[in-house]
Each structure stands twice: as C-alpha cells, then as structure tokens.
N, C-alpha and C. Protein backbone atom coordinates (compact mmCIF):
# COMPACT_ATOMS: atom_id res chain seq x y z
N MET A 1 7.71 -7.67 6.62
CA MET A 1 7.47 -8.31 5.35
C MET A 1 6.74 -7.29 4.45
N ASN A 2 7.30 -7.04 3.29
CA ASN A 2 6.61 -6.13 2.37
C ASN A 2 5.95 -6.94 1.25
N VAL A 3 5.11 -6.30 0.49
CA VAL A 3 4.33 -7.01 -0.52
C VAL A 3 5.18 -7.58 -1.64
N TYR A 4 6.38 -7.09 -1.81
CA TYR A 4 7.24 -7.60 -2.87
C TYR A 4 7.91 -8.91 -2.49
N GLN A 5 7.81 -9.31 -1.23
CA GLN A 5 8.41 -10.55 -0.78
C GLN A 5 7.41 -11.70 -0.74
N LEU A 6 6.14 -11.43 -0.96
CA LEU A 6 5.10 -12.45 -0.85
C LEU A 6 5.15 -13.40 -2.05
N LYS A 7 5.08 -14.69 -1.75
CA LYS A 7 5.08 -15.70 -2.82
C LYS A 7 3.90 -16.67 -2.68
N THR A 8 3.59 -17.08 -1.45
CA THR A 8 2.58 -18.10 -1.24
C THR A 8 1.31 -17.50 -0.66
N ARG A 9 0.22 -18.27 -0.73
CA ARG A 9 -1.03 -17.78 -0.15
C ARG A 9 -0.94 -17.69 1.37
N THR A 10 -0.11 -18.53 2.00
CA THR A 10 0.07 -18.43 3.45
C THR A 10 0.76 -17.13 3.82
N GLU A 11 1.81 -16.78 3.08
CA GLU A 11 2.49 -15.50 3.34
C GLU A 11 1.55 -14.33 3.12
N ALA A 12 0.72 -14.41 2.08
CA ALA A 12 -0.23 -13.35 1.80
C ALA A 12 -1.26 -13.23 2.92
N PHE A 13 -1.72 -14.36 3.44
CA PHE A 13 -2.70 -14.33 4.53
C PHE A 13 -2.08 -13.74 5.80
N ILE A 14 -0.85 -14.10 6.09
CA ILE A 14 -0.16 -13.53 7.25
C ILE A 14 -0.02 -12.03 7.08
N TRP A 15 0.36 -11.59 5.88
CA TRP A 15 0.50 -10.15 5.62
C TRP A 15 -0.84 -9.44 5.82
N LEU A 16 -1.91 -10.03 5.31
CA LEU A 16 -3.24 -9.44 5.48
C LEU A 16 -3.64 -9.37 6.96
N SER A 17 -3.28 -10.40 7.71
CA SER A 17 -3.58 -10.40 9.15
C SER A 17 -2.85 -9.28 9.86
N LEU A 18 -1.61 -9.04 9.47
CA LEU A 18 -0.85 -7.93 10.05
C LEU A 18 -1.48 -6.59 9.67
N MET A 19 -1.94 -6.47 8.44
CA MET A 19 -2.60 -5.24 8.00
C MET A 19 -3.89 -5.02 8.80
N GLU A 20 -4.65 -6.09 9.01
CA GLU A 20 -5.86 -5.97 9.82
C GLU A 20 -5.51 -5.51 11.23
N GLY A 21 -4.45 -6.05 11.79
CA GLY A 21 -4.01 -5.63 13.12
C GLY A 21 -3.64 -4.16 13.17
N ASP A 22 -2.97 -3.69 12.13
CA ASP A 22 -2.61 -2.26 12.07
C ASP A 22 -3.87 -1.39 12.05
N LEU A 23 -4.84 -1.77 11.23
CA LEU A 23 -6.07 -0.98 11.14
C LEU A 23 -6.88 -1.03 12.44
N LEU A 24 -6.90 -2.20 13.09
CA LEU A 24 -7.59 -2.30 14.38
C LEU A 24 -6.91 -1.42 15.42
N SER A 25 -5.59 -1.37 15.37
CA SER A 25 -4.84 -0.51 16.30
C SER A 25 -5.15 0.97 16.05
N ILE A 26 -5.23 1.35 14.78
CA ILE A 26 -5.58 2.74 14.43
C ILE A 26 -6.98 3.06 14.96
N ARG A 27 -7.92 2.15 14.74
CA ARG A 27 -9.29 2.38 15.21
C ARG A 27 -9.37 2.47 16.73
N ALA A 28 -8.66 1.58 17.42
CA ALA A 28 -8.66 1.62 18.89
C ALA A 28 -8.04 2.91 19.41
N SER A 29 -6.96 3.34 18.78
CA SER A 29 -6.31 4.59 19.20
C SER A 29 -7.22 5.78 18.96
N LEU A 30 -7.93 5.76 17.85
CA LEU A 30 -8.87 6.84 17.54
C LEU A 30 -10.00 6.87 18.57
N ASN A 31 -10.57 5.69 18.85
CA ASN A 31 -11.67 5.60 19.81
C ASN A 31 -11.25 6.00 21.22
N ALA A 32 -9.98 5.76 21.56
CA ALA A 32 -9.47 6.12 22.89
C ALA A 32 -9.02 7.57 22.96
N GLY A 33 -9.08 8.27 21.84
CA GLY A 33 -8.68 9.68 21.82
C GLY A 33 -7.18 9.88 21.90
N LEU A 34 -6.42 8.90 21.43
CA LEU A 34 -4.96 8.97 21.52
C LEU A 34 -4.31 9.77 20.41
N TYR A 35 -5.04 10.04 19.34
CA TYR A 35 -4.46 10.86 18.28
C TYR A 35 -4.60 12.32 18.68
N PRO A 36 -3.49 13.05 18.69
CA PRO A 36 -3.57 14.45 19.10
C PRO A 36 -4.28 15.29 18.04
N SER A 37 -4.97 16.31 18.53
CA SER A 37 -5.55 17.25 17.57
C SER A 37 -4.42 18.11 17.03
N TYR A 38 -4.58 18.61 15.87
CA TYR A 38 -3.53 19.44 15.29
C TYR A 38 -4.11 20.80 14.95
N ASP A 39 -3.34 21.82 15.28
CA ASP A 39 -3.79 23.19 15.05
C ASP A 39 -3.17 23.78 13.80
N ASP A 40 -1.93 23.41 13.55
CA ASP A 40 -1.18 23.97 12.44
C ASP A 40 -1.52 23.20 11.17
N ARG A 41 -2.04 23.85 10.17
CA ARG A 41 -2.43 23.18 8.92
C ARG A 41 -1.23 22.63 8.15
N SER A 42 -0.04 23.11 8.46
CA SER A 42 1.15 22.57 7.78
C SER A 42 1.60 21.26 8.45
N GLU A 43 1.05 20.97 9.60
CA GLU A 43 1.40 19.76 10.33
C GLU A 43 0.60 18.58 9.77
N GLU A 44 1.27 17.44 9.61
CA GLU A 44 0.57 16.27 9.10
C GLU A 44 -0.20 15.60 10.24
N PRO A 45 -1.48 15.35 10.06
CA PRO A 45 -2.26 14.70 11.12
C PRO A 45 -1.88 13.22 11.23
N GLU A 46 -1.56 12.78 12.42
CA GLU A 46 -1.10 11.41 12.63
C GLU A 46 -2.14 10.37 12.21
N PHE A 47 -3.40 10.63 12.51
CA PHE A 47 -4.44 9.67 12.17
C PHE A 47 -4.53 9.45 10.67
N GLU A 48 -4.63 10.54 9.91
CA GLU A 48 -4.73 10.42 8.46
C GLU A 48 -3.48 9.79 7.87
N CYS A 49 -2.31 10.12 8.41
CA CYS A 49 -1.07 9.52 7.92
C CYS A 49 -1.06 8.01 8.16
N ALA A 50 -1.54 7.58 9.32
CA ALA A 50 -1.58 6.15 9.62
C ALA A 50 -2.51 5.42 8.65
N VAL A 51 -3.68 5.99 8.40
CA VAL A 51 -4.63 5.39 7.45
C VAL A 51 -4.03 5.39 6.04
N PHE A 52 -3.38 6.48 5.67
CA PHE A 52 -2.79 6.60 4.34
C PHE A 52 -1.70 5.54 4.13
N ASN A 53 -0.83 5.36 5.12
CA ASN A 53 0.25 4.38 4.99
C ASN A 53 -0.30 2.97 4.82
N CYS A 54 -1.32 2.62 5.60
CA CYS A 54 -1.94 1.30 5.46
C CYS A 54 -2.63 1.16 4.10
N GLY A 55 -3.30 2.20 3.67
CA GLY A 55 -3.99 2.16 2.38
C GLY A 55 -3.04 2.00 1.21
N THR A 56 -1.90 2.67 1.28
CA THR A 56 -0.91 2.54 0.21
C THR A 56 -0.40 1.11 0.13
N ALA A 57 -0.07 0.54 1.28
CA ALA A 57 0.41 -0.85 1.30
C ALA A 57 -0.67 -1.81 0.81
N PHE A 58 -1.91 -1.56 1.19
CA PHE A 58 -3.01 -2.41 0.74
C PHE A 58 -3.21 -2.31 -0.77
N GLY A 59 -3.08 -1.11 -1.31
CA GLY A 59 -3.18 -0.92 -2.76
C GLY A 59 -2.09 -1.68 -3.50
N GLU A 60 -0.86 -1.63 -2.97
CA GLU A 60 0.24 -2.40 -3.57
C GLU A 60 -0.09 -3.89 -3.55
N PHE A 61 -0.59 -4.35 -2.41
CA PHE A 61 -0.96 -5.76 -2.27
C PHE A 61 -2.02 -6.15 -3.30
N MET A 62 -3.09 -5.36 -3.40
CA MET A 62 -4.18 -5.69 -4.30
C MET A 62 -3.74 -5.70 -5.76
N GLU A 63 -2.89 -4.76 -6.14
CA GLU A 63 -2.39 -4.74 -7.52
C GLU A 63 -1.57 -5.98 -7.82
N ARG A 64 -0.72 -6.37 -6.89
CA ARG A 64 0.09 -7.57 -7.10
C ARG A 64 -0.76 -8.83 -7.09
N LEU A 65 -1.79 -8.86 -6.24
CA LEU A 65 -2.70 -10.00 -6.19
C LEU A 65 -3.44 -10.15 -7.52
N GLU A 66 -3.99 -9.06 -8.02
CA GLU A 66 -4.75 -9.12 -9.26
C GLU A 66 -3.87 -9.39 -10.47
N SER A 67 -2.58 -9.09 -10.36
CA SER A 67 -1.64 -9.38 -11.45
C SER A 67 -1.04 -10.78 -11.31
N GLU A 68 -1.50 -11.51 -10.31
CA GLU A 68 -1.06 -12.88 -10.05
C GLU A 68 0.44 -12.97 -9.82
N ASP A 69 0.99 -12.00 -9.09
CA ASP A 69 2.40 -12.03 -8.73
C ASP A 69 2.68 -13.06 -7.64
N PHE A 70 1.65 -13.49 -6.95
CA PHE A 70 1.77 -14.57 -5.97
C PHE A 70 0.50 -15.40 -6.02
N ASP A 71 0.51 -16.51 -5.31
CA ASP A 71 -0.61 -17.46 -5.37
C ASP A 71 -1.94 -16.80 -4.99
N ALA A 72 -3.00 -17.29 -5.60
CA ALA A 72 -4.35 -16.78 -5.30
C ALA A 72 -4.69 -17.04 -3.84
N LEU A 73 -5.52 -16.18 -3.29
CA LEU A 73 -5.90 -16.29 -1.89
C LEU A 73 -6.93 -17.39 -1.68
N SER A 74 -6.97 -17.89 -0.46
CA SER A 74 -8.02 -18.82 -0.06
C SER A 74 -9.31 -18.03 0.15
N THR A 75 -10.39 -18.73 0.41
CA THR A 75 -11.66 -18.07 0.69
C THR A 75 -11.53 -17.14 1.89
N ALA A 76 -10.85 -17.61 2.93
CA ALA A 76 -10.64 -16.77 4.12
C ALA A 76 -9.82 -15.53 3.78
N GLY A 77 -8.84 -15.68 2.91
CA GLY A 77 -8.03 -14.54 2.48
C GLY A 77 -8.85 -13.52 1.71
N ASN A 78 -9.72 -14.01 0.84
CA ASN A 78 -10.60 -13.10 0.08
C ASN A 78 -11.55 -12.35 1.01
N GLU A 79 -12.08 -13.05 2.00
CA GLU A 79 -12.97 -12.39 2.97
C GLU A 79 -12.20 -11.33 3.76
N LEU A 80 -10.96 -11.65 4.11
CA LEU A 80 -10.15 -10.72 4.88
C LEU A 80 -9.83 -9.46 4.07
N THR A 81 -9.59 -9.59 2.77
CA THR A 81 -9.33 -8.39 1.96
C THR A 81 -10.56 -7.48 1.95
N GLY A 82 -11.75 -8.08 1.87
CA GLY A 82 -12.97 -7.28 1.92
C GLY A 82 -13.14 -6.58 3.26
N MET A 83 -12.84 -7.29 4.35
CA MET A 83 -12.95 -6.68 5.68
C MET A 83 -11.96 -5.54 5.85
N ILE A 84 -10.74 -5.72 5.35
CA ILE A 84 -9.72 -4.68 5.46
C ILE A 84 -10.14 -3.44 4.67
N ASP A 85 -10.62 -3.66 3.45
CA ASP A 85 -11.05 -2.52 2.63
C ASP A 85 -12.20 -1.77 3.30
N ASN A 86 -13.16 -2.51 3.84
CA ASN A 86 -14.28 -1.87 4.54
C ASN A 86 -13.81 -1.10 5.77
N MET A 87 -12.88 -1.67 6.52
CA MET A 87 -12.39 -1.00 7.71
C MET A 87 -11.64 0.28 7.35
N GLY A 88 -10.83 0.22 6.31
CA GLY A 88 -10.11 1.42 5.86
C GLY A 88 -11.07 2.52 5.45
N LYS A 89 -12.11 2.15 4.72
CA LYS A 89 -13.11 3.14 4.30
C LYS A 89 -13.88 3.69 5.50
N MET A 90 -14.15 2.83 6.47
CA MET A 90 -14.88 3.26 7.65
C MET A 90 -14.04 4.26 8.46
N LEU A 91 -12.73 4.05 8.51
CA LEU A 91 -11.87 4.95 9.28
C LEU A 91 -11.81 6.34 8.64
N CYS A 92 -11.54 6.38 7.34
CA CYS A 92 -11.45 7.68 6.65
C CYS A 92 -11.48 7.41 5.14
N GLU A 93 -12.67 7.34 4.59
CA GLU A 93 -12.83 6.91 3.20
C GLU A 93 -12.04 7.73 2.18
N PRO A 94 -12.04 9.07 2.23
CA PRO A 94 -11.29 9.81 1.21
C PRO A 94 -9.79 9.52 1.25
N VAL A 95 -9.24 9.44 2.44
CA VAL A 95 -7.81 9.17 2.57
C VAL A 95 -7.50 7.74 2.14
N TRP A 96 -8.31 6.78 2.57
CA TRP A 96 -8.11 5.38 2.23
C TRP A 96 -8.18 5.17 0.71
N THR A 97 -9.19 5.71 0.08
CA THR A 97 -9.37 5.54 -1.36
C THR A 97 -8.20 6.12 -2.14
N GLN A 98 -7.76 7.30 -1.76
CA GLN A 98 -6.62 7.93 -2.42
C GLN A 98 -5.35 7.10 -2.23
N ALA A 99 -5.16 6.58 -1.02
CA ALA A 99 -3.95 5.81 -0.72
C ALA A 99 -3.92 4.48 -1.47
N VAL A 100 -5.06 3.80 -1.54
CA VAL A 100 -5.12 2.53 -2.26
C VAL A 100 -4.79 2.75 -3.73
N LEU A 101 -5.32 3.79 -4.32
CA LEU A 101 -5.02 4.11 -5.71
C LEU A 101 -3.54 4.42 -5.90
N LEU A 102 -2.96 5.16 -4.98
CA LEU A 102 -1.53 5.46 -5.05
C LEU A 102 -0.71 4.18 -4.99
N GLY A 103 -1.05 3.28 -4.07
CA GLY A 103 -0.33 2.02 -3.95
C GLY A 103 -0.38 1.21 -5.24
N ARG A 104 -1.57 1.15 -5.83
CA ARG A 104 -1.72 0.43 -7.11
C ARG A 104 -0.85 1.07 -8.20
N ASN A 105 -0.90 2.40 -8.26
CA ASN A 105 -0.13 3.11 -9.28
C ASN A 105 1.38 2.95 -9.08
N GLU A 106 1.83 2.87 -7.84
CA GLU A 106 3.25 2.67 -7.59
C GLU A 106 3.73 1.32 -8.11
N VAL A 107 2.92 0.29 -7.93
CA VAL A 107 3.28 -1.03 -8.46
C VAL A 107 3.30 -1.00 -9.99
N ARG A 108 2.32 -0.35 -10.58
CA ARG A 108 2.28 -0.23 -12.05
C ARG A 108 3.50 0.54 -12.56
N ALA A 109 3.87 1.59 -11.86
CA ALA A 109 5.05 2.38 -12.26
C ALA A 109 6.32 1.54 -12.14
N ASP A 110 6.43 0.78 -11.06
CA ASP A 110 7.60 -0.09 -10.89
C ASP A 110 7.70 -1.08 -12.04
N ARG A 111 6.56 -1.64 -12.44
CA ARG A 111 6.57 -2.59 -13.56
C ARG A 111 7.00 -1.91 -14.87
N ALA A 112 6.50 -0.70 -15.09
CA ALA A 112 6.85 0.02 -16.32
C ALA A 112 8.34 0.35 -16.35
N ILE A 113 8.89 0.73 -15.22
CA ILE A 113 10.32 1.03 -15.15
C ILE A 113 11.13 -0.22 -15.44
N CYS A 114 10.71 -1.35 -14.85
CA CYS A 114 11.43 -2.61 -15.11
C CYS A 114 11.30 -3.04 -16.56
N ALA A 115 10.10 -2.88 -17.13
CA ALA A 115 9.89 -3.28 -18.52
C ALA A 115 10.72 -2.43 -19.47
N ALA A 116 10.94 -1.18 -19.12
CA ALA A 116 11.74 -0.28 -19.96
C ALA A 116 13.23 -0.44 -19.69
N GLU A 117 13.55 -1.30 -18.73
CA GLU A 117 14.94 -1.48 -18.31
C GLU A 117 15.57 -0.15 -17.95
N ALA A 118 14.80 0.70 -17.31
CA ALA A 118 15.28 2.03 -16.94
C ALA A 118 15.69 2.03 -15.48
N ASP A 119 16.40 3.08 -15.10
CA ASP A 119 16.82 3.19 -13.71
C ASP A 119 15.79 3.93 -12.87
N GLY A 120 14.72 4.39 -13.48
CA GLY A 120 13.66 5.06 -12.74
C GLY A 120 13.78 6.56 -12.69
N TRP A 121 14.84 7.11 -13.24
CA TRP A 121 15.02 8.56 -13.25
C TRP A 121 14.60 9.10 -14.60
N LEU A 122 13.87 10.20 -14.59
CA LEU A 122 13.47 10.84 -15.83
C LEU A 122 14.42 11.99 -16.12
N TYR A 123 14.91 12.03 -17.34
CA TYR A 123 15.82 13.09 -17.77
C TYR A 123 15.15 13.78 -18.95
N GLY A 124 14.64 14.96 -18.72
CA GLY A 124 13.91 15.63 -19.80
C GLY A 124 12.64 14.88 -20.09
N SER A 125 12.37 14.64 -21.35
CA SER A 125 11.15 13.93 -21.71
C SER A 125 11.41 12.47 -22.06
N ARG A 126 12.65 12.01 -21.86
CA ARG A 126 12.99 10.63 -22.18
C ARG A 126 13.59 9.95 -20.96
N ILE A 127 13.51 8.65 -20.96
CA ILE A 127 14.17 7.87 -19.92
C ILE A 127 15.49 7.40 -20.51
N TYR A 128 16.58 7.73 -19.87
CA TYR A 128 17.89 7.33 -20.34
C TYR A 128 18.40 6.18 -19.49
N ARG A 129 19.04 5.23 -20.14
CA ARG A 129 19.65 4.12 -19.42
C ARG A 129 21.12 4.42 -19.20
N ARG A 130 21.62 3.88 -18.14
CA ARG A 130 23.06 3.97 -17.90
C ARG A 130 23.76 2.99 -18.83
N ARG A 131 24.84 3.43 -19.37
CA ARG A 131 25.63 2.54 -20.22
C ARG A 131 26.53 1.69 -19.34
N PRO A 132 26.74 0.44 -19.70
CA PRO A 132 27.63 -0.41 -18.92
C PRO A 132 29.01 0.23 -18.80
N GLY A 133 29.54 0.19 -17.60
CA GLY A 133 30.88 0.73 -17.37
C GLY A 133 30.93 2.22 -17.14
N MET A 134 29.77 2.89 -17.16
CA MET A 134 29.76 4.34 -16.94
C MET A 134 29.13 4.63 -15.58
N ASP A 135 29.94 4.70 -14.57
CA ASP A 135 29.43 4.96 -13.22
C ASP A 135 29.84 6.29 -12.71
C-alpha cells in the first residue's frame, strides 16, 4: 500500500503501523550487527538506504496528511506519527531529515505537474504538453 492509495483514517493507521514495523526492523538489524560495514565510498550503505527509503515514504505521508488528501488521524494515529518521526531521527537524524523533506517535495512536485496538466518532462525552460493525437 503506498501513500497515494490511502483514503480513510483506518488505512492511514495501518500504513503507519507498517512504517513503524519497518523502522523497528531496521533498528533490530542495526543492534544485531546485521548491516555490513562498507569499505568502498562509492557503495551505498544498506543502513542509511533503509532509513532514507522509510523517511521518504514518511515525508510523502505527512505532506498528504497536512494537505488533507485523506481523513484526519485519530489520537492514536497522531501519537504514532510522533513516535515514527522520533525513531527515524534516533536511527540517523541527518539521513531521516533529508529523506522526509525529499518525500514532501516529491508530493508537492507531483501536485504542480498535475496542476499544470503537464506530463512531468521538462523541455528547455518550459513544460510542453503533448497534443492530442500526437504519439
């Protein structure tokens, strides 16, 4: 289930619960020493990538929540968002913060593309639309 499919507060709470599970799994794997160390600086570190992916999804969720794209959360849902944000920051604050911002910006960009009725591709300094019948 991705954040663009959420409509009800129950679906949002289930999504948040899954996100919490992902972060708990990352923390348990880190504590157990299951993330390999990396020597090559060109190699992407698995731990940071896992935190980044969760943070991006959480940022998308928060942007859609604040824009009222789906029903407002219950009190338990609001508490869970705070716990998730704290856990992400506890795992790796710089990566989490950057990822949440990216997720929010991706949702904003998607909205701008839809509002402009564009296909999402930039051509030069203007956004060009496809003309009907021109494929």
